[in-house]
Amino acid sequence: TLPMFTSWALGHFQDSSQVLELPVLRTILTLVVIILIPVGIG
């Protein structure tokens, strides 16, 4: 959901010439590594 809301906000609030594309796949992979793996370790 975080990449979804971020991508929507970037497209809605930013000017069309300044839109920053959120790397959705990279974001999902980053959150998996920083959430799933450490919780499992703990």
Full PDB file with SEQRES, HELIX, SHEET, SSBOND, CRYST1, ORIGX, SCALE, CONECT and MASTER records, all heavy atoms in Angstrom:
SEQRES   1 A   42  THR LEU PRO MET PHE THR SER TRP ALA LEU GLY HIS PHE          
SEQRES   2 A   42  GLN ASP SER SER GLN VAL LEU GLU LEU PRO VAL LEU ARG          
SEQRES   3 A   42  THR ILE LEU THR LEU VAL VAL ILE ILE LEU ILE PRO VAL          
SEQRES   4 A   42  GLY ILE GLY                                                  
HELIX    1 AA1 LEU A    2  PHE A   13  1                                  12    
HELIX    2 AA2 SER A   16  GLN A   18  5                                   3    
HELIX    3 AA3 VAL A   24  LEU A   31  1                                   8    
HELIX    4 AA4 VAL A   32  LEU A   36  3                                   5    
HELIX    5 AA5 ILE A   37  ILE A   41  1                                   5    
CRYST1    1.000    1.000    1.000  90.00  90.00  90.00 P 1           1          
ORIGX1      1.000000  0.000000  0.000000        0.00000                         
ORIGX2      0.000000  1.000000  0.000000        0.00000                         
ORIGX3      0.000000  0.000000  1.000000        0.00000                         
SCALE1      1.000000  0.000000  0.000000        0.00000                         
SCALE2      0.000000  1.000000  0.000000        0.00000                         
SCALE3      0.000000  0.000000  1.000000        0.00000                         
ATOM      1  N   THR A   1       0.801  -1.227   0.000  1.00  0.00           N  
ATOM      2  CA  THR A   1       0.000   0.000   0.000  1.00  0.00           C  
ATOM      3  C   THR A   1       0.834   1.278   0.000  1.00  0.00           C  
ATOM      4  O   THR A   1       0.431   2.275  -0.596  1.00  0.00           O  
ATOM      5  CB  THR A   1      -0.944   0.021   1.220  1.00  0.00           C  
ATOM      6  OG1 THR A   1      -0.164  -0.062   2.430  1.00  0.00           O  
ATOM      7  CG2 THR A   1      -1.920  -1.142   1.163  1.00  0.00           C  
ATOM      8  N   LEU A   2       2.000   1.273   0.646  1.00  0.00           N  
ATOM      9  CA  LEU A   2       2.826   2.489   0.686  1.00  0.00           C  
ATOM     10  C   LEU A   2       3.298   2.904  -0.713  1.00  0.00           C  
ATOM     11  O   LEU A   2       3.176   4.084  -1.072  1.00  0.00           O  
ATOM     12  CB  LEU A   2       4.005   2.306   1.633  1.00  0.00           C  
ATOM     13  CG  LEU A   2       4.950   3.508   1.783  1.00  0.00           C  
ATOM     14  CD1 LEU A   2       4.198   4.762   2.195  1.00  0.00           C  
ATOM     15  CD2 LEU A   2       6.062   3.204   2.789  1.00  0.00           C  
ATOM     16  N   PRO A   3       3.821   1.987  -1.526  1.00  0.00           N  
ATOM     17  CA  PRO A   3       4.161   2.386  -2.900  1.00  0.00           C  
ATOM     18  C   PRO A   3       2.950   2.866  -3.694  1.00  0.00           C  
ATOM     19  O   PRO A   3       3.069   3.796  -4.507  1.00  0.00           O  
ATOM     20  CB  PRO A   3       4.734   1.091  -3.506  1.00  0.00           C  
ATOM     21  CG  PRO A   3       5.240   0.322  -2.338  1.00  0.00           C  
ATOM     22  CD  PRO A   3       4.278   0.623  -1.232  1.00  0.00           C  
ATOM     23  N   MET A   4       1.777   2.272  -3.460  1.00  0.00           N  
ATOM     24  CA  MET A   4       0.571   2.677  -4.177  1.00  0.00           C  
ATOM     25  C   MET A   4       0.199   4.115  -3.832  1.00  0.00           C  
ATOM     26  O   MET A   4      -0.035   4.940  -4.729  1.00  0.00           O  
ATOM     27  CB  MET A   4      -0.580   1.723  -3.847  1.00  0.00           C  
ATOM     28  CG  MET A   4      -0.447   0.335  -4.426  1.00  0.00           C  
ATOM     29  SD  MET A   4      -1.752  -0.783  -3.846  1.00  0.00           S  
ATOM     30  CE  MET A   4      -3.213   0.130  -4.296  1.00  0.00           C  
ATOM     31  N   PHE A   5       0.119   4.444  -2.544  1.00  0.00           N  
ATOM     32  CA  PHE A   5      -0.245   5.801  -2.134  1.00  0.00           C  
ATOM     33  C   PHE A   5       0.820   6.805  -2.563  1.00  0.00           C  
ATOM     34  O   PHE A   5       0.493   7.932  -2.965  1.00  0.00           O  
ATOM     35  CB  PHE A   5      -0.443   5.862  -0.617  1.00  0.00           C  
ATOM     36  CG  PHE A   5      -1.808   5.444  -0.162  1.00  0.00           C  
ATOM     37  CD1 PHE A   5      -1.999   4.252   0.534  1.00  0.00           C  
ATOM     38  CD2 PHE A   5      -2.923   6.226  -0.421  1.00  0.00           C  
ATOM     39  CE1 PHE A   5      -3.264   3.854   0.945  1.00  0.00           C  
ATOM     40  CE2 PHE A   5      -4.198   5.844  -0.011  1.00  0.00           C  
ATOM     41  CZ  PHE A   5      -4.365   4.643   0.674  1.00  0.00           C  
ATOM     42  N   THR A   6       2.090   6.409  -2.480  1.00  0.00           N  
ATOM     43  CA  THR A   6       3.168   7.326  -2.877  1.00  0.00           C  
ATOM     44  C   THR A   6       3.116   7.630  -4.365  1.00  0.00           C  
ATOM     45  O   THR A   6       3.229   8.792  -4.779  1.00  0.00           O  
ATOM     46  CB  THR A   6       4.537   6.723  -2.510  1.00  0.00           C  
ATOM     47  OG1 THR A   6       4.582   6.459  -1.105  1.00  0.00           O  
ATOM     48  CG2 THR A   6       5.657   7.686  -2.869  1.00  0.00           C  
ATOM     49  N   SER A   7       2.938   6.601  -5.166  1.00  0.00           N  
ATOM     50  CA  SER A   7       2.853   6.808  -6.616  1.00  0.00           C  
ATOM     51  C   SER A   7       1.669   7.694  -6.973  1.00  0.00           C  
ATOM     52  O   SER A   7       1.788   8.590  -7.823  1.00  0.00           O  
ATOM     53  CB  SER A   7       2.740   5.457  -7.332  1.00  0.00           C  
ATOM     54  OG  SER A   7       3.900   4.681  -7.142  1.00  0.00           O  
ATOM     55  N   TRP A   8       0.542   7.476  -6.310  1.00  0.00           N  
ATOM     56  CA  TRP A   8      -0.639   8.300  -6.589  1.00  0.00           C  
ATOM     57  C   TRP A   8      -0.372   9.754  -6.192  1.00  0.00           C  
ATOM     58  O   TRP A   8      -0.708  10.677  -6.937  1.00  0.00           O  
ATOM     59  CB  TRP A   8      -1.848   7.780  -5.823  1.00  0.00           C  
ATOM     60  CG  TRP A   8      -3.072   8.621  -6.057  1.00  0.00           C  
ATOM     61  CD1 TRP A   8      -3.992   8.484  -7.056  1.00  0.00           C  
ATOM     62  CD2 TRP A   8      -3.485   9.761  -5.283  1.00  0.00           C  
ATOM     63  NE1 TRP A   8      -4.956   9.464  -6.957  1.00  0.00           N  
ATOM     64  CE2 TRP A   8      -4.667  10.261  -5.892  1.00  0.00           C  
ATOM     65  CE3 TRP A   8      -2.973  10.403  -4.156  1.00  0.00           C  
ATOM     66  CZ2 TRP A   8      -5.341  11.375  -5.390  1.00  0.00           C  
ATOM     67  CZ3 TRP A   8      -3.645  11.510  -3.667  1.00  0.00           C  
ATOM     68  CH2 TRP A   8      -4.810  11.985  -4.271  1.00  0.00           C  
ATOM     69  N   ALA A   9       0.218   9.964  -5.021  1.00  0.00           N  
ATOM     70  CA  ALA A   9       0.474  11.326  -4.552  1.00  0.00           C  
ATOM     71  C   ALA A   9       1.457  12.047  -5.468  1.00  0.00           C  
ATOM     72  O   ALA A   9       1.287  13.238  -5.752  1.00  0.00           O  
ATOM     73  CB  ALA A   9       1.015  11.292  -3.116  1.00  0.00           C  
ATOM     74  N   LEU A  10       2.483  11.339  -5.938  1.00  0.00           N  
ATOM     75  CA  LEU A  10       3.450  11.957  -6.844  1.00  0.00           C  
ATOM     76  C   LEU A  10       2.769  12.419  -8.126  1.00  0.00           C  
ATOM     77  O   LEU A  10       3.023  13.519  -8.627  1.00  0.00           O  
ATOM     78  CB  LEU A  10       4.562  10.966  -7.181  1.00  0.00           C  
ATOM     79  CG  LEU A  10       5.588  10.697  -6.078  1.00  0.00           C  
ATOM     80  CD1 LEU A  10       6.484   9.532  -6.452  1.00  0.00           C  
ATOM     81  CD2 LEU A  10       6.419  11.940  -5.799  1.00  0.00           C  
ATOM     82  N   GLY A  11       1.886  11.590  -8.660  1.00  0.00           N  
ATOM     83  CA  GLY A  11       1.199  11.951  -9.893  1.00  0.00           C  
ATOM     84  C   GLY A  11       0.153  13.026  -9.712  1.00  0.00           C  
ATOM     85  O   GLY A  11      -0.103  13.821 -10.611  1.00  0.00           O  
ATOM     86  N   HIS A  12      -0.456  13.088  -8.524  1.00  0.00           N  
ATOM     87  CA  HIS A  12      -1.554  14.028  -8.295  1.00  0.00           C  
ATOM     88  C   HIS A  12      -1.065  15.411  -7.885  1.00  0.00           C  
ATOM     89  O   HIS A  12      -1.593  16.423  -8.354  1.00  0.00           O  
ATOM     90  CB  HIS A  12      -2.486  13.479  -7.217  1.00  0.00           C  
ATOM     91  CG  HIS A  12      -3.668  14.363  -6.932  1.00  0.00           C  
ATOM     92  ND1 HIS A  12      -4.776  14.401  -7.742  1.00  0.00           N  
ATOM     93  CD2 HIS A  12      -3.903  15.249  -5.925  1.00  0.00           C  
ATOM     94  CE1 HIS A  12      -5.657  15.272  -7.256  1.00  0.00           C  
ATOM     95  NE2 HIS A  12      -5.148  15.789  -6.146  1.00  0.00           N  
ATOM     96  N   PHE A  13      -0.069  15.486  -6.992  1.00  0.00           N  
ATOM     97  CA  PHE A  13       0.339  16.768  -6.424  1.00  0.00           C  
ATOM     98  C   PHE A  13       1.506  17.419  -7.168  1.00  0.00           C  
ATOM     99  O   PHE A  13       1.643  18.636  -7.143  1.00  0.00           O  
ATOM    100  CB  PHE A  13       0.718  16.600  -4.954  1.00  0.00           C  
ATOM    101  CG  PHE A  13      -0.443  16.274  -4.057  1.00  0.00           C  
ATOM    102  CD1 PHE A  13      -0.575  15.017  -3.490  1.00  0.00           C  
ATOM    103  CD2 PHE A  13      -1.420  17.224  -3.788  1.00  0.00           C  
ATOM    104  CE1 PHE A  13      -1.642  14.708  -2.661  1.00  0.00           C  
ATOM    105  CE2 PHE A  13      -2.496  16.928  -2.967  1.00  0.00           C  
ATOM    106  CZ  PHE A  13      -2.607  15.666  -2.412  1.00  0.00           C  
ATOM    107  N   GLN A  14       2.370  16.631  -7.780  1.00  0.00           N  
ATOM    108  CA  GLN A  14       3.515  17.205  -8.475  1.00  0.00           C  
ATOM    109  C   GLN A  14       3.097  17.735  -9.843  1.00  0.00           C  
ATOM    110  O   GLN A  14       2.172  17.223 -10.465  1.00  0.00           O  
ATOM    111  CB  GLN A  14       4.611  16.153  -8.658  1.00  0.00           C  
ATOM    112  CG  GLN A  14       5.272  15.710  -7.362  1.00  0.00           C  
ATOM    113  CD  GLN A  14       6.287  16.715  -6.857  1.00  0.00           C  
ATOM    114  OE1 GLN A  14       7.046  17.276  -7.619  1.00  0.00           O  
ATOM    115  NE2 GLN A  14       6.319  16.923  -5.552  1.00  0.00           N  
ATOM    116  N   ASP A  15       3.794  18.802 -10.317  1.00  0.00           N  
ATOM    117  CA  ASP A  15       3.575  19.271 -11.680  1.00  0.00           C  
ATOM    118  C   ASP A  15       3.999  18.178 -12.653  1.00  0.00           C  
ATOM    119  O   ASP A  15       4.915  17.402 -12.376  1.00  0.00           O  
ATOM    120  CB  ASP A  15       4.398  20.535 -11.950  1.00  0.00           C  
ATOM    121  CG  ASP A  15       3.942  21.701 -11.083  1.00  0.00           C  
ATOM    122  OD1 ASP A  15       2.761  21.702 -10.691  1.00  0.00           O  
ATOM    123  OD2 ASP A  15       4.772  22.585 -10.802  1.00  0.00           O  
ATOM    124  N   SER A  16       3.324  18.135 -13.813  1.00  0.00           N  
ATOM    125  CA  SER A  16       3.612  17.072 -14.766  1.00  0.00           C  
ATOM    126  C   SER A  16       5.075  17.061 -15.195  1.00  0.00           C  
ATOM    127  O   SER A  16       5.643  16.020 -15.507  1.00  0.00           O  
ATOM    128  CB  SER A  16       2.719  17.226 -16.006  1.00  0.00           C  
ATOM    129  OG  SER A  16       2.921  18.503 -16.606  1.00  0.00           O  
ATOM    130  N   SER A  17       5.708  18.234 -15.195  1.00  0.00           N  
ATOM    131  CA  SER A  17       7.105  18.309 -15.614  1.00  0.00           C  
ATOM    132  C   SER A  17       8.074  17.940 -14.499  1.00  0.00           C  
ATOM    133  O   SER A  17       9.266  17.807 -14.726  1.00  0.00           O  
ATOM    134  CB  SER A  17       7.435  19.726 -16.095  1.00  0.00           C  
ATOM    135  OG  SER A  17       7.219  20.659 -15.025  1.00  0.00           O  
ATOM    136  N   GLN A  18       7.549  17.768 -13.284  1.00  0.00           N  
ATOM    137  CA  GLN A  18       8.418  17.490 -12.137  1.00  0.00           C  
ATOM    138  C   GLN A  18       8.067  16.189 -11.430  1.00  0.00           C  
ATOM    139  O   GLN A  18       8.540  15.942 -10.342  1.00  0.00           O  
ATOM    140  CB  GLN A  18       8.327  18.637 -11.127  1.00  0.00           C  
ATOM    141  CG  GLN A  18       8.781  19.980 -11.673  1.00  0.00           C  
ATOM    142  CD  GLN A  18       8.621  21.087 -10.650  1.00  0.00           C  
ATOM    143  OE1 GLN A  18       7.926  20.935  -9.653  1.00  0.00           O  
ATOM    144  NE2 GLN A  18       9.281  22.209 -10.887  1.00  0.00           N  
ATOM    145  N   VAL A  19       7.237  15.371 -12.038  1.00  0.00           N  
ATOM    146  CA  VAL A  19       6.809  14.133 -11.391  1.00  0.00           C  
ATOM    147  C   VAL A  19       8.008  13.210 -11.175  1.00  0.00           C  
ATOM    148  O   VAL A  19       8.798  12.976 -12.085  1.00  0.00           O  
ATOM    149  CB  VAL A  19       5.739  13.411 -12.240  1.00  0.00           C  
ATOM    150  CG1 VAL A  19       5.473  12.016 -11.677  1.00  0.00           C  
ATOM    151  CG2 VAL A  19       4.455  14.214 -12.259  1.00  0.00           C  
ATOM    152  N   LEU A  20       8.138  12.719  -9.958  1.00  0.00           N  
ATOM    153  CA  LEU A  20       9.181  11.751  -9.640  1.00  0.00           C  
ATOM    154  C   LEU A  20       8.543  10.366  -9.587  1.00  0.00           C  
ATOM    155  O   LEU A  20       7.608  10.145  -8.829  1.00  0.00           O  
ATOM    156  CB  LEU A  20       9.822  12.068  -8.286  1.00  0.00           C  
ATOM    157  CG  LEU A  20      10.535  13.410  -8.158  1.00  0.00           C  
ATOM    158  CD1 LEU A  20      10.997  13.609  -6.724  1.00  0.00           C  
ATOM    159  CD2 LEU A  20      11.705  13.483  -9.107  1.00  0.00           C  
ATOM    160  N   GLU A  21       9.048   9.483 -10.407  1.00  0.00           N  
ATOM    161  CA  GLU A  21       8.497   8.133 -10.436  1.00  0.00           C  
ATOM    162  C   GLU A  21       9.087   7.299  -9.305  1.00  0.00           C  
ATOM    163  O   GLU A  21      10.298   7.147  -9.206  1.00  0.00           O  
ATOM    164  CB  GLU A  21       8.796   7.465 -11.783  1.00  0.00           C  
ATOM    165  CG  GLU A  21       8.059   8.081 -12.957  1.00  0.00           C  
ATOM    166  CD  GLU A  21       6.550   7.900 -12.872  1.00  0.00           C  
ATOM    167  OE1 GLU A  21       6.110   6.928 -12.231  1.00  0.00           O  
ATOM    168  OE2 GLU A  21       5.824   8.726 -13.445  1.00  0.00           O  
ATOM    169  N   LEU A  22       8.228   6.783  -8.461  1.00  0.00           N  
ATOM    170  CA  LEU A  22       8.692   5.925  -7.374  1.00  0.00           C  
ATOM    171  C   LEU A  22       9.026   4.542  -7.937  1.00  0.00           C  
ATOM    172  O   LEU A  22       8.197   3.940  -8.613  1.00  0.00           O  
ATOM    173  CB  LEU A  22       7.606   5.778  -6.306  1.00  0.00           C  
ATOM    174  CG  LEU A  22       7.921   4.815  -5.166  1.00  0.00           C  
ATOM    175  CD1 LEU A  22       9.019   5.383  -4.292  1.00  0.00           C  
ATOM    176  CD2 LEU A  22       6.675   4.545  -4.344  1.00  0.00           C  
ATOM    177  N   PRO A  23      10.232   4.044  -7.699  1.00  0.00           N  
ATOM    178  CA  PRO A  23      10.583   2.697  -8.159  1.00  0.00           C  
ATOM    179  C   PRO A  23       9.840   1.646  -7.330  1.00  0.00           C  
ATOM    180  O   PRO A  23      10.321   1.204  -6.289  1.00  0.00           O  
ATOM    181  CB  PRO A  23      12.104   2.630  -7.935  1.00  0.00           C  
ATOM    182  CG  PRO A  23      12.364   3.615  -6.857  1.00  0.00           C  
ATOM    183  CD  PRO A  23      11.353   4.711  -7.025  1.00  0.00           C  
ATOM    184  N   VAL A  24       8.646   1.294  -7.799  1.00  0.00           N  
ATOM    185  CA  VAL A  24       7.757   0.452  -7.000  1.00  0.00           C  
ATOM    186  C   VAL A  24       8.407  -0.879  -6.652  1.00  0.00           C  
ATOM    187  O   VAL A  24       8.390  -1.311  -5.488  1.00  0.00           O  
ATOM    188  CB  VAL A  24       6.419   0.221  -7.745  1.00  0.00           C  
ATOM    189  CG1 VAL A  24       5.532  -0.739  -6.955  1.00  0.00           C  
ATOM    190  CG2 VAL A  24       5.710   1.534  -7.979  1.00  0.00           C  
ATOM    191  N   LEU A  25       8.989  -1.562  -7.633  1.00  0.00           N  
ATOM    192  CA  LEU A  25       9.597  -2.865  -7.372  1.00  0.00           C  
ATOM    193  C   LEU A  25      10.721  -2.740  -6.355  1.00  0.00           C  
ATOM    194  O   LEU A  25      10.824  -3.534  -5.413  1.00  0.00           O  
ATOM    195  CB  LEU A  25      10.115  -3.484  -8.672  1.00  0.00           C  
ATOM    196  CG  LEU A  25      10.780  -4.863  -8.532  1.00  0.00           C  
ATOM    197  CD1 LEU A  25       9.787  -5.867  -7.929  1.00  0.00           C  
ATOM    198  CD2 LEU A  25      11.295  -5.345  -9.880  1.00  0.00           C  
ATOM    199  N   ARG A  26      11.560  -1.715  -6.535  1.00  0.00           N  
ATOM    200  CA  ARG A  26      12.663  -1.507  -5.601  1.00  0.00           C  
ATOM    201  C   ARG A  26      12.130  -1.206  -4.209  1.00  0.00           C  
ATOM    202  O   ARG A  26      12.676  -1.677  -3.196  1.00  0.00           O  
ATOM    203  CB  ARG A  26      13.543  -0.355  -6.083  1.00  0.00           C  
ATOM    204  CG  ARG A  26      14.701  -0.052  -5.131  1.00  0.00           C  
ATOM    205  CD  ARG A  26      15.442   1.197  -5.568  1.00  0.00           C  
ATOM    206  NE  ARG A  26      16.403   1.638  -4.557  1.00  0.00           N  
ATOM    207  CZ  ARG A  26      17.004   2.812  -4.572  1.00  0.00           C  
ATOM    208  NH1 ARG A  26      16.751   3.671  -5.545  1.00  0.00           N  
ATOM    209  NH2 ARG A  26      17.843   3.155  -3.620  1.00  0.00           N  
ATOM    210  N   THR A  27      11.050  -0.424  -4.137  1.00  0.00           N  
ATOM    211  CA  THR A  27      10.463  -0.097  -2.844  1.00  0.00           C  
ATOM    212  C   THR A  27       9.950  -1.352  -2.144  1.00  0.00           C  
ATOM    213  O   THR A  27      10.183  -1.568  -0.948  1.00  0.00           O  
ATOM    214  CB  THR A  27       9.312   0.906  -3.015  1.00  0.00           C  
ATOM    215  OG1 THR A  27       9.806   2.071  -3.672  1.00  0.00           O  
ATOM    216  CG2 THR A  27       8.735   1.302  -1.661  1.00  0.00           C  
ATOM    217  N   ILE A  28       9.229  -2.183  -2.892  1.00  0.00           N  
ATOM    218  CA  ILE A  28       8.682  -3.412  -2.317  1.00  0.00           C  
ATOM    219  C   ILE A  28       9.808  -4.319  -1.824  1.00  0.00           C  
ATOM    220  O   ILE A  28       9.758  -4.852  -0.701  1.00  0.00           O  
ATOM    221  CB  ILE A  28       7.797  -4.149  -3.342  1.00  0.00           C  
ATOM    222  CG1 ILE A  28       6.535  -3.332  -3.620  1.00  0.00           C  
ATOM    223  CG2 ILE A  28       7.426  -5.541  -2.828  1.00  0.00           C  
ATOM    224  CD1 ILE A  28       5.649  -3.926  -4.697  1.00  0.00           C  
ATOM    225  N   LEU A  29      10.853  -4.478  -2.651  1.00  0.00           N  
ATOM    226  CA  LEU A  29      11.977  -5.318  -2.254  1.00  0.00           C  
ATOM    227  C   LEU A  29      12.682  -4.751  -1.021  1.00  0.00           C  
ATOM    228  O   LEU A  29      13.084  -5.498  -0.120  1.00  0.00           O  
ATOM    229  CB  LEU A  29      12.969  -5.442  -3.414  1.00  0.00           C  
ATOM    230  CG  LEU A  29      12.486  -6.253  -4.629  1.00  0.00           C  
ATOM    231  CD1 LEU A  29      13.527  -6.216  -5.745  1.00  0.00           C  
ATOM    232  CD2 LEU A  29      12.190  -7.692  -4.235  1.00  0.00           C  
ATOM    233  N   THR A  30      12.812  -3.419  -0.981  1.00  0.00           N  
ATOM    234  CA  THR A  30      13.448  -2.780   0.169  1.00  0.00           C  
ATOM    235  C   THR A  30      12.661  -3.026   1.444  1.00  0.00           C  
ATOM    236  O   THR A  30      13.225  -3.359   2.499  1.00  0.00           O  
ATOM    237  CB  THR A  30      13.587  -1.262  -0.072  1.00  0.00           C  
ATOM    238  OG1 THR A  30      14.380  -1.035  -1.240  1.00  0.00           O  
ATOM    239  CG2 THR A  30      14.251  -0.585   1.127  1.00  0.00           C  
ATOM    240  N   LEU A  31      11.338  -2.882   1.364  1.00  0.00           N  
ATOM    241  CA  LEU A  31      10.507  -3.087   2.543  1.00  0.00           C  
ATOM    242  C   LEU A  31      10.504  -4.548   2.979  1.00  0.00           C  
ATOM    243  O   LEU A  31      10.450  -4.843   4.180  1.00  0.00           O  
ATOM    244  CB  LEU A  31       9.075  -2.615   2.256  1.00  0.00           C  
ATOM    245  CG  LEU A  31       8.906  -1.105   2.057  1.00  0.00           C  
ATOM    246  CD1 LEU A  31       7.470  -0.776   1.678  1.00  0.00           C  
ATOM    247  CD2 LEU A  31       9.325  -0.344   3.293  1.00  0.00           C  
ATOM    248  N   VAL A  32      10.574  -5.466   2.008  1.00  0.00           N  
ATOM    249  CA  VAL A  32      10.649  -6.884   2.356  1.00  0.00           C  
ATOM    250  C   VAL A  32      11.922  -7.155   3.154  1.00  0.00           C  
ATOM    251  O   VAL A  32      11.904  -7.815   4.191  1.00  0.00           O  
ATOM    252  CB  VAL A  32      10.614  -7.764   1.088  1.00  0.00           C  
ATOM    253  CG1 VAL A  32      10.995  -9.206   1.435  1.00  0.00           C  
ATOM    254  CG2 VAL A  32       9.224  -7.741   0.471  1.00  0.00           C  
ATOM    255  N   VAL A  33      13.039  -6.613   2.662  1.00  0.00           N  
ATOM    256  CA  VAL A  33      14.328  -6.843   3.316  1.00  0.00           C  
ATOM    257  C   VAL A  33      14.371  -6.201   4.693  1.00  0.00           C  
ATOM    258  O   VAL A  33      14.924  -6.749   5.645  1.00  0.00           O  
ATOM    259  CB  VAL A  33      15.474  -6.299   2.439  1.00  0.00           C  
ATOM    260  CG1 VAL A  33      16.796  -6.315   3.199  1.00  0.00           C  
ATOM    261  CG2 VAL A  33      15.591  -7.122   1.167  1.00  0.00           C  
ATOM    262  N   ILE A  34      13.760  -5.006   4.822  1.00  0.00           N  
ATOM    263  CA  ILE A  34      13.891  -4.267   6.080  1.00  0.00           C  
ATOM    264  C   ILE A  34      12.761  -4.580   7.058  1.00  0.00           C  
ATOM    265  O   ILE A  34      12.815  -4.183   8.219  1.00  0.00           O  
ATOM    266  CB  ILE A  34      13.975  -2.758   5.776  1.00  0.00           C  
ATOM    267  CG1 ILE A  34      15.273  -2.476   5.047  1.00  0.00           C  
ATOM    268  CG2 ILE A  34      13.906  -1.914   7.027  1.00  0.00           C  
ATOM    269  CD1 ILE A  34      15.574  -1.027   4.824  1.00  0.00           C  
ATOM    270  N   ILE A  35      11.745  -5.326   6.625  1.00  0.00           N  
ATOM    271  CA  ILE A  35      10.655  -5.674   7.538  1.00  0.00           C  
ATOM    272  C   ILE A  35      10.591  -7.183   7.782  1.00  0.00           C  
ATOM    273  O   ILE A  35      10.693  -7.650   8.913  1.00  0.00           O  
ATOM    274  CB  ILE A  35       9.298  -5.155   7.015  1.00  0.00           C  
ATOM    275  CG1 ILE A  35       9.252  -3.631   7.075  1.00  0.00           C  
ATOM    276  CG2 ILE A  35       8.145  -5.737   7.835  1.00  0.00           C  
ATOM    277  CD1 ILE A  35       7.993  -3.020   6.491  1.00  0.00           C  
ATOM    278  N   LEU A  36      10.439  -7.975   6.721  1.00  0.00           N  
ATOM    279  CA  LEU A  36      10.233  -9.407   6.890  1.00  0.00           C  
ATOM    280  C   LEU A  36      11.448 -10.107   7.481  1.00  0.00           C  
ATOM    281  O   LEU A  36      11.327 -10.864   8.454  1.00  0.00           O  
ATOM    282  CB  LEU A  36       9.888 -10.035   5.537  1.00  0.00           C  
ATOM    283  CG  LEU A  36       8.479  -9.777   4.997  1.00  0.00           C  
ATOM    284  CD1 LEU A  36       8.322 -10.427   3.627  1.00  0.00           C  
ATOM    285  CD2 LEU A  36       7.424 -10.304   5.950  1.00  0.00           C  
ATOM    286  N   ILE A  37      12.608  -9.855   6.895  1.00  0.00           N  
ATOM    287  CA  ILE A  37      13.806 -10.577   7.334  1.00  0.00           C  
ATOM    288  C   ILE A  37      14.181 -10.264   8.789  1.00  0.00           C  
ATOM    289  O   ILE A  37      14.383 -11.179   9.591  1.00  0.00           O  
ATOM    290  CB  ILE A  37      14.987 -10.292   6.387  1.00  0.00           C  
ATOM    291  CG1 ILE A  37      14.687 -10.899   5.014  1.00  0.00           C  
ATOM    292  CG2 ILE A  37      16.296 -10.843   6.957  1.00  0.00           C  
ATOM    293  CD1 ILE A  37      15.750 -10.628   3.973  1.00  0.00           C  
ATOM    294  N   PRO A  38      14.254  -8.967   9.184  1.00  0.00           N  
ATOM    295  CA  PRO A  38      14.640  -8.703  10.577  1.00  0.00           C  
ATOM    296  C   PRO A  38      13.630  -9.193  11.602  1.00  0.00           C  
ATOM    297  O   PRO A  38      14.013  -9.625  12.685  1.00  0.00           O  
ATOM    298  CB  PRO A  38      14.795  -7.182  10.624  1.00  0.00           C  
ATOM    299  CG  PRO A  38      14.012  -6.673   9.475  1.00  0.00           C  
ATOM    300  CD  PRO A  38      14.129  -7.721   8.416  1.00  0.00           C  
ATOM    301  N   VAL A  39      12.331  -9.116  11.276  1.00  0.00           N  
ATOM    302  CA  VAL A  39      11.327  -9.645  12.209  1.00  0.00           C  
ATOM    303  C   VAL A  39      11.540 -11.141  12.394  1.00  0.00           C  
ATOM    304  O   VAL A  39      11.474 -11.670  13.506  1.00  0.00           O  
ATOM    305  CB  VAL A  39       9.905  -9.348  11.705  1.00  0.00           C  
ATOM    306  CG1 VAL A  39       8.878 -10.161  12.500  1.00  0.00           C  
ATOM    307  CG2 VAL A  39       9.593  -7.867  11.856  1.00  0.00           C  
ATOM    308  N   GLY A  40      11.817 -11.831  11.288  1.00  0.00           N  
ATOM    309  CA  GLY A  40      12.092 -13.269  11.377  1.00  0.00           C  
ATOM    310  C   GLY A  40      13.328 -13.563  12.206  1.00  0.00           C  
ATOM    311  O   GLY A  40      13.359 -14.505  12.999  1.00  0.00           O  
ATOM    312  N   ILE A  41      14.360 -12.727  12.040  1.00  0.00           N  
ATOM    313  CA  ILE A  41      15.581 -12.895  12.830  1.00  0.00           C  
ATOM    314  C   ILE A  41      15.282 -12.709  14.318  1.00  0.00           C  
ATOM    315  O   ILE A  41      15.721 -13.498  15.168  1.00  0.00           O  
ATOM    316  CB  ILE A  41      16.665 -11.896  12.374  1.00  0.00           C  
ATOM    317  CG1 ILE A  41      17.162 -12.245  10.976  1.00  0.00           C  
ATOM    318  CG2 ILE A  41      17.833 -11.878  13.365  1.00  0.00           C  
ATOM    319  CD1 ILE A  41      18.119 -11.224  10.390  1.00  0.00           C  
ATOM    320  N   GLY A  42      14.533 -11.660  14.632  1.00  0.00           N  
ATOM    321  CA  GLY A  42      14.207 -11.394  16.029  1.00  0.00           C  
ATOM    322  C   GLY A  42      13.410 -12.526  16.660  1.00  0.00           C  
ATOM    323  O   GLY A  42      13.683 -12.942  17.797  1.00  0.00           O  
TER     324      GLY A  42                                                      
MASTER        0    0    0    5    0    0    0    6  323    1    0    4          
END                                                                             
